[in-house]
């Protein structure tokens, strides 16, 4: 997890999700209905955002079930990846 100031504007970049090594979702930040800055601005009108808050933006096509033991790896170009195992 990185500070927004460390990664710069998130206007473009491939976002991916793999489940057990198989790509389930792929999209680009440029294809989102609202840009990341727009989402943060809207949220800021309702909530006082603090350093360390996570903002989730939704998901590209390909949503599906996961089960106990699955390993999920999500990534955003230029930021890195996050890996979790479902328990």
Protein backbone atom coordinates (compact mmCIF):
# COMPACT_ATOMS: atom_id res chain seq x y z
CA UNK A 1 0.00 0.00 0.00
CA UNK A 2 1.41 3.37 -1.04
CA UNK A 3 0.56 6.98 -0.35
CA UNK A 4 -1.11 8.74 -3.26
CA UNK A 5 1.66 11.35 -3.23
CA UNK A 6 4.24 8.60 -3.77
CA UNK A 7 2.62 7.11 -6.88
CA UNK A 8 1.26 10.24 -8.54
CA UNK A 9 -2.00 10.54 -10.47
CA UNK A 10 -3.81 7.26 -11.08
CA UNK A 11 -5.40 8.04 -14.40
CA UNK A 12 -4.13 5.10 -16.44
CA UNK A 13 -2.78 1.67 -15.66
CA UNK A 14 -3.82 -1.93 -15.99
CA UNK A 15 -5.57 -3.46 -13.00
CA UNK A 16 -5.61 -7.25 -12.69
CA UNK A 17 -6.88 -10.02 -10.45
CA UNK A 18 -5.65 -13.60 -10.53
CA UNK A 19 -7.28 -16.44 -8.63
CA UNK A 20 -5.00 -19.43 -8.11
CA UNK A 21 -2.73 -18.20 -10.92
CA UNK A 22 -5.56 -17.76 -13.45
CA UNK A 23 -6.41 -14.23 -14.59
CA UNK A 24 -10.05 -13.51 -13.76
CA UNK A 25 -10.19 -9.76 -14.25
CA UNK A 26 -8.33 -7.14 -16.27
CA UNK A 27 -9.17 -3.52 -16.91
CA UNK A 28 -7.64 -0.09 -17.14
CA UNK A 29 -8.06 2.81 -14.74
CA UNK A 30 -8.75 5.03 -17.77
CA UNK A 31 -11.95 3.04 -18.43
CA UNK A 32 -13.53 3.71 -15.04
CA UNK A 33 -16.77 5.70 -14.98
CA UNK A 34 -15.27 8.17 -12.47
CA UNK A 35 -11.55 8.88 -12.18
CA UNK A 36 -9.71 8.22 -8.93
CA UNK A 37 -9.47 11.99 -8.18
CA UNK A 38 -13.24 12.34 -8.78
CA UNK A 39 -13.97 9.44 -6.43
CA UNK A 40 -11.77 10.93 -3.70
CA UNK A 41 -13.39 14.35 -4.16
CA UNK A 42 -16.90 12.88 -3.87
CA UNK A 43 -16.01 10.80 -0.81
CA UNK A 44 -14.39 13.83 0.81
CA UNK A 45 -17.74 15.58 0.64
CA UNK A 46 -19.27 12.90 2.88
CA UNK A 47 -16.36 11.61 4.99
CA UNK A 48 -13.22 13.07 6.48
CA UNK A 49 -10.56 10.99 4.75
CA UNK A 50 -7.43 10.33 6.79
CA UNK A 51 -3.91 9.23 5.86
CA UNK A 52 -4.01 5.45 5.55
CA UNK A 53 -7.66 5.22 4.47
CA UNK A 54 -8.26 2.74 1.67
CA UNK A 55 -10.59 3.68 -1.17
CA UNK A 56 -12.08 0.80 -3.11
CA UNK A 57 -13.35 1.67 -6.58
CA UNK A 58 -15.26 -1.35 -7.79
CA UNK A 59 -14.21 -4.02 -10.19
CA UNK A 60 -13.87 -4.80 -13.91
CA UNK A 61 -15.92 -7.55 -15.54
CA UNK A 62 -15.21 -11.10 -14.42
CA UNK A 63 -16.57 -11.13 -10.88
CA UNK A 64 -17.01 -14.65 -9.58
CA UNK A 65 -17.01 -16.72 -6.42
CA UNK A 66 -13.91 -17.68 -4.48
CA UNK A 67 -13.57 -20.40 -1.89
CA UNK A 68 -11.55 -21.27 1.17
CA UNK A 69 -7.92 -21.89 0.23
CA UNK A 70 -7.98 -19.75 -2.94
CA UNK A 71 -5.05 -17.39 -3.46
CA UNK A 72 -5.94 -13.98 -4.93
CA UNK A 73 -3.34 -11.63 -6.38
CA UNK A 74 -4.45 -8.14 -7.35
CA UNK A 75 -2.21 -5.59 -9.01
CA UNK A 76 -2.16 -2.09 -10.46
CA UNK A 77 0.57 -1.07 -12.92
CA UNK A 78 3.16 1.14 -11.31
CA UNK A 79 1.99 0.40 -7.78
CA UNK A 80 2.54 -3.29 -7.15
CA UNK A 81 0.48 -6.24 -6.07
CA UNK A 82 -1.41 -7.52 -3.06
CA UNK A 83 -1.75 -11.24 -2.38
CA UNK A 84 -4.28 -12.82 -0.02
CA UNK A 85 -5.39 -16.37 0.76
CA UNK A 86 -9.05 -17.02 1.57
CA UNK A 87 -9.43 -18.71 4.97
